[in-house]
Amino acid sequence: MKLMMTLLLMLMVTFSAQAAETSPQPPNKEEEMQKLIYEALFHDPQSPVIGAKNPTLTLVAFTDYNCPYCKQLDPMLEKITRLYPQVAVVIKPLPFKGESSNEAAGVVLTTWREHPDEFLKLHQLLMSKKGYHTSASIKTAIEKSGATPVTPDQKSMETISLNLQLARVVGVQGTPATIVGDTMLAGAVPWETLEGLVKEKLEQANGK
């Protein structure tokens, strides 16, 4: 994780410096950066995943446990994985809304890494709370979910840092933000919009 984040930051710095000089980026550097960003978005083992084990289409959901619009969208993402069993969703906690956002993200990421089978129910309970979390409400969600209590560690903090860098790279300006194929959906879009885009990208992936 630390190596991936370091490489990503180095590539970002290189890209920014070249852009400032208005000189074209060497093709191999651009390809390297794109590949690294793609892997960090879609295949980071530290990021929770729901849905298909071998997906045809993978969505990336940047989310915040204190964000009311994320709480509207999250059940739709789960519904997508139920209706379309060939779809997976990568959850990227992006704590924009205060310290309790960061605490909830750290707990979730540590739970995913140490007790992956306990992640989903905890995630759902954290998302179901109206308003902002506190340390007490996070503890309550852990207890109600039956998840093993964990202490957010350095690896989880590195994942959060990576998510923040990735969000900056791909142009996320707020949560929720969902990548579907090559399209970014900003905000809690209507169900018809989300499902329609998923259908379109699945058809493309299946060569139809």
C-alpha atoms as a PDB file:
ATOM      1  CA  MET A   1       0.000   0.000   0.000  1.00  0.00           C
ATOM      2  CA  LYS A   2       2.709   2.487   0.967  1.00  0.00           C
ATOM      3  CA  LEU A   3       4.630   1.686  -2.234  1.00  0.00           C
ATOM      4  CA  MET A   4       1.506   2.159  -4.374  1.00  0.00           C
ATOM      5  CA  MET A   5       0.726   5.499  -2.745  1.00  0.00           C
ATOM      6  CA  THR A   6       4.339   6.685  -3.095  1.00  0.00           C
ATOM      7  CA  LEU A   7       4.422   5.765  -6.774  1.00  0.00           C
ATOM      8  CA  LEU A   8       1.105   7.462  -7.400  1.00  0.00           C
ATOM      9  CA  LEU A   9       2.257  10.645  -5.699  1.00  0.00           C
ATOM     10  CA  MET A  10       5.520  10.608  -7.644  1.00  0.00           C
ATOM     11  CA  LEU A  11       3.666  10.222 -10.917  1.00  0.00           C
ATOM     12  CA  MET A  12       1.263  13.016  -9.957  1.00  0.00           C
ATOM     13  CA  VAL A  13       4.175  15.338  -9.201  1.00  0.00           C
ATOM     14  CA  THR A  14       5.850  14.440 -12.498  1.00  0.00           C
ATOM     15  CA  PHE A  15       2.608  14.973 -14.401  1.00  0.00           C
ATOM     16  CA  SER A  16       1.967  18.338 -12.704  1.00  0.00           C
ATOM     17  CA  ALA A  17       5.493  19.565 -13.394  1.00  0.00           C
ATOM     18  CA  GLN A  18       5.261  18.603 -17.050  1.00  0.00           C
ATOM     19  CA  ALA A  19       1.853  20.224 -17.365  1.00  0.00           C
ATOM     20  CA  ALA A  20       3.235  23.418 -15.849  1.00  0.00           C
ATOM     21  CA  GLU A  21       5.961  23.437 -18.462  1.00  0.00           C
ATOM     22  CA  THR A  22       3.336  22.765 -21.180  1.00  0.00           C
ATOM     23  CA  SER A  23       5.521  19.990 -22.530  1.00  0.00           C
ATOM     24  CA  PRO A  24       3.916  16.728 -23.692  1.00  0.00           C
ATOM     25  CA  GLN A  25       4.108  13.808 -21.302  1.00  0.00           C
ATOM     26  CA  PRO A  26       6.193  10.861 -22.565  1.00  0.00           C
ATOM     27  CA  PRO A  27       3.806   8.088 -23.708  1.00  0.00           C
ATOM     28  CA  ASN A  28       5.407   5.483 -21.449  1.00  0.00           C
ATOM     29  CA  LYS A  29       5.036   7.758 -18.402  1.00  0.00           C
ATOM     30  CA  GLU A  30       1.416   8.476 -19.238  1.00  0.00           C
ATOM     31  CA  GLU A  31       0.671   4.775 -19.689  1.00  0.00           C
ATOM     32  CA  GLU A  32       2.447   3.966 -16.434  1.00  0.00           C
ATOM     33  CA  MET A  33       0.442   6.555 -14.545  1.00  0.00           C
ATOM     34  CA  GLN A  34      -2.860   5.460 -16.061  1.00  0.00           C
ATOM     35  CA  LYS A  35      -2.158   1.824 -15.223  1.00  0.00           C
ATOM     36  CA  LEU A  36      -1.208   2.667 -11.648  1.00  0.00           C
ATOM     37  CA  ILE A  37      -4.327   4.779 -11.153  1.00  0.00           C
ATOM     38  CA  TYR A  38      -6.499   2.053 -12.702  1.00  0.00           C
ATOM     39  CA  GLU A  39      -5.068  -0.598 -10.388  1.00  0.00           C
ATOM     40  CA  ALA A  40      -5.473   1.643  -7.341  1.00  0.00           C
ATOM     41  CA  LEU A  41      -9.076   2.382  -8.267  1.00  0.00           C
ATOM     42  CA  PHE A  42     -10.283  -1.075  -9.228  1.00  0.00           C
ATOM     43  CA  HIS A  43      -7.912  -3.622  -7.701  1.00  0.00           C
ATOM     44  CA  ASP A  44      -6.662  -2.301  -4.371  1.00  0.00           C
ATOM     45  CA  PRO A  45      -7.111  -5.242  -1.948  1.00  0.00           C
ATOM     46  CA  GLN A  46      -7.403  -2.779   0.948  1.00  0.00           C
ATOM     47  CA  SER A  47     -10.674  -1.391  -0.480  1.00  0.00           C
ATOM     48  CA  PRO A  48     -13.948  -3.171   0.373  1.00  0.00           C
ATOM     49  CA  VAL A  49     -15.829  -4.828  -2.495  1.00  0.00           C
ATOM     50  CA  ILE A  50     -19.430  -5.996  -2.706  1.00  0.00           C
ATOM     51  CA  GLY A  51     -21.063  -8.000  -5.478  1.00  0.00           C
ATOM     52  CA  ALA A  52     -19.496 -10.277  -8.074  1.00  0.00           C
ATOM     53  CA  LYS A  53     -16.250 -12.099  -7.343  1.00  0.00           C
ATOM     54  CA  ASN A  54     -15.287 -12.071 -11.038  1.00  0.00           C
ATOM     55  CA  PRO A  55     -17.188  -9.049 -12.342  1.00  0.00           C
ATOM     56  CA  THR A  56     -17.903  -8.063 -15.901  1.00  0.00           C
ATOM     57  CA  LEU A  57     -18.324  -4.477 -14.721  1.00  0.00           C
ATOM     58  CA  THR A  58     -16.860  -2.841 -11.614  1.00  0.00           C
ATOM     59  CA  LEU A  59     -18.132   0.414 -10.160  1.00  0.00           C
ATOM     60  CA  VAL A  60     -16.037   2.590  -7.855  1.00  0.00           C
ATOM     61  CA  ALA A  61     -18.008   4.460  -5.177  1.00  0.00           C
ATOM     62  CA  PHE A  62     -16.370   7.348  -3.321  1.00  0.00           C
ATOM     63  CA  THR A  63     -18.451   7.780  -0.178  1.00  0.00           C
ATOM     64  CA  ASP A  64     -18.576   9.378   3.253  1.00  0.00           C
ATOM     65  CA  TYR A  65     -20.350   7.967   6.305  1.00  0.00           C
ATOM     66  CA  ASN A  66     -21.496  11.474   7.290  1.00  0.00           C
ATOM     67  CA  CYS A  67     -22.820  12.381   3.841  1.00  0.00           C
ATOM     68  CA  PRO A  68     -26.641  12.375   3.561  1.00  0.00           C
ATOM     69  CA  TYR A  69     -26.513  11.979  -0.214  1.00  0.00           C
ATOM     70  CA  CYS A  70     -24.182   8.981   0.109  1.00  0.00           C
ATOM     71  CA  LYS A  71     -26.774   7.433   2.409  1.00  0.00           C
ATOM     72  CA  GLN A  72     -29.379   7.879  -0.329  1.00  0.00           C
ATOM     73  CA  LEU A  73     -27.192   6.351  -3.030  1.00  0.00           C
ATOM     74  CA  ASP A  74     -25.669   3.458  -1.095  1.00  0.00           C
ATOM     75  CA  PRO A  75     -28.803   1.235  -1.071  1.00  0.00           C
ATOM     76  CA  MET A  76     -29.040   1.708  -4.847  1.00  0.00           C
ATOM     77  CA  LEU A  77     -25.488   0.436  -5.291  1.00  0.00           C
ATOM     78  CA  GLU A  78     -26.303  -2.646  -3.245  1.00  0.00           C
ATOM     79  CA  LYS A  79     -29.482  -3.123  -5.288  1.00  0.00           C
ATOM     80  CA  ILE A  80     -27.424  -2.988  -8.482  1.00  0.00           C
ATOM     81  CA  THR A  81     -25.256  -5.880  -7.254  1.00  0.00           C
ATOM     82  CA  ARG A  82     -28.373  -7.909  -6.434  1.00  0.00           C
ATOM     83  CA  LEU A  83     -30.113  -7.273  -9.765  1.00  0.00           C
ATOM     84  CA  TYR A  84     -26.948  -7.598 -11.832  1.00  0.00           C
ATOM     85  CA  PRO A  85     -24.843 -10.434 -10.386  1.00  0.00           C
ATOM     86  CA  GLN A  86     -22.038  -9.703 -12.845  1.00  0.00           C
ATOM     87  CA  VAL A  87     -21.414  -6.296 -11.248  1.00  0.00           C
ATOM     88  CA  ALA A  88     -19.117  -5.448  -8.329  1.00  0.00           C
ATOM     89  CA  VAL A  89     -18.814  -2.190  -6.402  1.00  0.00           C
ATOM     90  CA  VAL A  90     -15.537  -1.026  -4.847  1.00  0.00           C
ATOM     91  CA  ILE A  91     -16.141   1.139  -1.779  1.00  0.00           C
ATOM     92  CA  LYS A  92     -13.711   4.046  -1.383  1.00  0.00           C
ATOM     93  CA  PRO A  93     -14.309   5.850   1.936  1.00  0.00           C
ATOM     94  CA  LEU A  94     -13.572   9.534   1.412  1.00  0.00           C
ATOM     95  CA  PRO A  95     -13.830  11.343   4.754  1.00  0.00           C
ATOM     96  CA  PHE A  96     -14.674  14.899   3.741  1.00  0.00           C
ATOM     97  CA  LYS A  97     -17.034  15.647   6.625  1.00  0.00           C
ATOM     98  CA  GLY A  98     -15.128  15.879   9.854  1.00  0.00           C
ATOM     99  CA  GLU A  99     -13.237  13.728  12.294  1.00  0.00           C
ATOM    100  CA  SER A 100     -16.023  11.198  12.742  1.00  0.00           C
ATOM    101  CA  SER A 101     -15.995  10.607   8.971  1.00  0.00           C
ATOM    102  CA  ASN A 102     -12.330   9.746   9.268  1.00  0.00           C
ATOM    103  CA  GLU A 103     -12.930   7.538  12.307  1.00  0.00           C
ATOM    104  CA  ALA A 104     -15.749   5.620  10.606  1.00  0.00           C
ATOM    105  CA  ALA A 105     -13.659   5.163   7.467  1.00  0.00           C
ATOM    106  CA  GLY A 106     -10.732   3.838   9.506  1.00  0.00           C
ATOM    107  CA  VAL A 107     -12.935   1.366  11.381  1.00  0.00           C
ATOM    108  CA  VAL A 108     -14.533   0.112   8.167  1.00  0.00           C
ATOM    109  CA  LEU A 109     -11.232  -0.326   6.338  1.00  0.00           C
ATOM    110  CA  THR A 110      -9.629  -2.136   9.263  1.00  0.00           C
ATOM    111  CA  THR A 111     -12.678  -4.392   9.590  1.00  0.00           C
ATOM    112  CA  TRP A 112     -12.507  -5.188   5.874  1.00  0.00           C
ATOM    113  CA  ARG A 113      -8.875  -6.149   6.105  1.00  0.00           C
ATOM    114  CA  GLU A 114      -9.073  -8.141   9.346  1.00  0.00           C
ATOM    115  CA  HIS A 115     -12.649  -9.504   9.246  1.00  0.00           C
ATOM    116  CA  PRO A 116     -13.967  -9.127   5.677  1.00  0.00           C
ATOM    117  CA  ASP A 117     -17.121 -11.149   6.301  1.00  0.00           C
ATOM    118  CA  GLU A 118     -18.159  -8.602   8.934  1.00  0.00           C
ATOM    119  CA  PHE A 119     -17.760  -5.562   6.694  1.00  0.00           C
ATOM    120  CA  LEU A 120     -21.092  -5.340   4.894  1.00  0.00           C
ATOM    121  CA  LYS A 121     -23.443  -5.282   7.882  1.00  0.00           C
ATOM    122  CA  LEU A 122     -21.250  -2.703   9.623  1.00  0.00           C
ATOM    123  CA  HIS A 123     -21.164  -0.597   6.458  1.00  0.00           C
ATOM    124  CA  GLN A 124     -24.963  -0.763   6.170  1.00  0.00           C
ATOM    125  CA  LEU A 125     -25.507   0.271   9.781  1.00  0.00           C
ATOM    126  CA  LEU A 126     -23.093   3.181   9.498  1.00  0.00           C
ATOM    127  CA  MET A 127     -24.879   4.307   6.337  1.00  0.00           C
ATOM    128  CA  SER A 128     -28.323   3.987   7.905  1.00  0.00           C
ATOM    129  CA  LYS A 129     -27.744   6.588  10.636  1.00  0.00           C
ATOM    130  CA  LYS A 130     -29.326   9.964  10.013  1.00  0.00           C
ATOM    131  CA  GLY A 131     -27.035  12.887  10.652  1.00  0.00           C
ATOM    132  CA  TYR A 132     -23.403  12.911  11.630  1.00  0.00           C
ATOM    133  CA  HIS A 133     -21.680  10.109  13.471  1.00  0.00           C
ATOM    134  CA  THR A 134     -19.954  10.348  16.812  1.00  0.00           C
ATOM    135  CA  SER A 135     -17.506   7.922  18.371  1.00  0.00           C
ATOM    136  CA  ALA A 136     -20.457   6.585  20.370  1.00  0.00           C
ATOM    137  CA  SER A 137     -22.623   5.973  17.288  1.00  0.00           C
ATOM    138  CA  ILE A 138     -19.756   4.222  15.521  1.00  0.00           C
ATOM    139  CA  LYS A 139     -19.292   1.988  18.559  1.00  0.00           C
ATOM    140  CA  THR A 140     -23.022   1.259  18.581  1.00  0.00           C
ATOM    141  CA  ALA A 141     -22.929   0.284  14.900  1.00  0.00           C
ATOM    142  CA  ILE A 142     -20.070  -2.114  15.602  1.00  0.00           C
ATOM    143  CA  GLU A 143     -22.003  -3.698  18.464  1.00  0.00           C
ATOM    144  CA  LYS A 144     -25.278  -3.978  16.530  1.00  0.00           C
ATOM    145  CA  SER A 145     -23.554  -5.448  13.483  1.00  0.00           C
ATOM    146  CA  GLY A 146     -21.780  -8.070  15.564  1.00  0.00           C
ATOM    147  CA  ALA A 147     -18.467  -6.971  14.080  1.00  0.00           C
ATOM    148  CA  THR A 148     -15.269  -7.592  15.988  1.00  0.00           C
ATOM    149  CA  PRO A 149     -14.076  -4.331  17.590  1.00  0.00           C
ATOM    150  CA  VAL A 150     -10.992  -3.005  15.831  1.00  0.00           C
ATOM    151  CA  THR A 151      -8.655  -0.064  16.207  1.00  0.00           C
ATOM    152  CA  PRO A 152      -7.972   1.874  12.977  1.00  0.00           C
ATOM    153  CA  ASP A 153      -4.311   1.420  12.149  1.00  0.00           C
ATOM    154  CA  GLN A 154      -1.652   2.896   9.919  1.00  0.00           C
ATOM    155  CA  LYS A 155      -2.606   0.732   6.930  1.00  0.00           C
ATOM    156  CA  SER A 156      -6.148   2.047   7.062  1.00  0.00           C
ATOM    157  CA  MET A 157      -4.908   5.630   7.273  1.00  0.00           C
ATOM    158  CA  GLU A 158      -2.711   4.988   4.223  1.00  0.00           C
ATOM    159  CA  THR A 159      -5.752   3.706   2.329  1.00  0.00           C
ATOM    160  CA  ILE A 160      -7.685   6.849   3.239  1.00  0.00           C
ATOM    161  CA  SER A 161      -4.760   8.988   2.024  1.00  0.00           C
ATOM    162  CA  LEU A 162      -4.639   7.025  -1.211  1.00  0.00           C
ATOM    163  CA  ASN A 163      -8.390   7.475  -1.692  1.00  0.00           C
ATOM    164  CA  LEU A 164      -8.016  11.228  -1.238  1.00  0.00           C
ATOM    165  CA  GLN A 165      -5.224  11.336  -3.827  1.00  0.00           C
ATOM    166  CA  LEU A 166      -7.210   9.187  -6.257  1.00  0.00           C
ATOM    167  CA  ALA A 167     -10.247  11.416  -5.842  1.00  0.00           C
ATOM    168  CA  ARG A 168      -8.117  14.427  -6.724  1.00  0.00           C
ATOM    169  CA  VAL A 169      -6.640  12.685  -9.764  1.00  0.00           C
ATOM    170  CA  VAL A 170      -9.995  11.623 -11.236  1.00  0.00           C
ATOM    171  CA  GLY A 171     -11.719  14.907 -10.444  1.00  0.00           C
ATOM    172  CA  VAL A 172     -13.979  14.041  -7.522  1.00  0.00           C
ATOM    173  CA  GLN A 173     -15.122  17.271  -5.880  1.00  0.00           C
ATOM    174  CA  GLY A 174     -17.590  15.856  -3.392  1.00  0.00           C
ATOM    175  CA  THR A 175     -19.388  12.741  -2.274  1.00  0.00           C
ATOM    176  CA  PRO A 176     -20.971  10.613  -3.446  1.00  0.00           C
ATOM    177  CA  ALA A 177     -19.107  10.125  -6.704  1.00  0.00           C
ATOM    178  CA  THR A 178     -19.426   6.894  -8.646  1.00  0.00           C
ATOM    179  CA  ILE A 179     -17.328   5.678 -11.542  1.00  0.00           C
ATOM    180  CA  VAL A 180     -19.298   3.477 -13.947  1.00  0.00           C
ATOM    181  CA  GLY A 181     -17.093   2.357 -16.807  1.00  0.00           C
ATOM    182  CA  ASP A 182     -15.584   5.541 -18.200  1.00  0.00           C
ATOM    183  CA  THR A 183     -18.305   7.789 -16.763  1.00  0.00           C
ATOM    184  CA  MET A 184     -18.343   9.666 -13.470  1.00  0.00           C
ATOM    185  CA  LEU A 185     -21.705  10.169 -11.759  1.00  0.00           C
ATOM    186  CA  ALA A 186     -21.642  13.041  -9.284  1.00  0.00           C
ATOM    187  CA  GLY A 187     -24.127  13.094  -6.431  1.00  0.00           C
ATOM    188  CA  ALA A 188     -27.059  10.904  -5.489  1.00  0.00           C
ATOM    189  CA  VAL A 189     -28.426  10.350  -8.983  1.00  0.00           C
ATOM    190  CA  PRO A 190     -31.899   8.866  -9.543  1.00  0.00           C
ATOM    191  CA  TRP A 191     -32.196   5.080  -9.734  1.00  0.00           C
ATOM    192  CA  GLU A 192     -33.134   5.253 -13.427  1.00  0.00           C
ATOM    193  CA  THR A 193     -29.911   7.120 -14.217  1.00  0.00           C
ATOM    194  CA  LEU A 194     -27.717   4.672 -12.317  1.00  0.00           C
ATOM    195  CA  GLU A 195     -29.360   1.531 -13.652  1.00  0.00           C
ATOM    196  CA  GLY A 196     -29.484   2.876 -17.208  1.00  0.00           C
ATOM    197  CA  LEU A 197     -25.759   3.596 -17.201  1.00  0.00           C
ATOM    198  CA  VAL A 198     -24.942   0.204 -15.672  1.00  0.00           C
ATOM    199  CA  LYS A 199     -26.981  -1.527 -18.387  1.00  0.00           C
ATOM    200  CA  GLU A 200     -25.209   0.490 -21.080  1.00  0.00           C
ATOM    201  CA  LYS A 201     -21.728  -0.322 -19.746  1.00  0.00           C
ATOM    202  CA  LEU A 202     -22.593  -4.003 -19.302  1.00  0.00           C
ATOM    203  CA  GLU A 203     -23.737  -4.190 -22.912  1.00  0.00           C
ATOM    204  CA  GLN A 204     -20.494  -2.583 -24.021  1.00  0.00           C
ATOM    205  CA  ALA A 205     -18.456  -4.987 -21.873  1.00  0.00           C
ATOM    206  CA  ASN A 206     -20.352  -7.936 -23.334  1.00  0.00           C
ATOM    207  CA  GLY A 207     -19.759  -6.683 -26.877  1.00  0.00           C
ATOM    208  CA  LYS A 208     -23.415  -5.994 -27.660  1.00  0.00           C
END
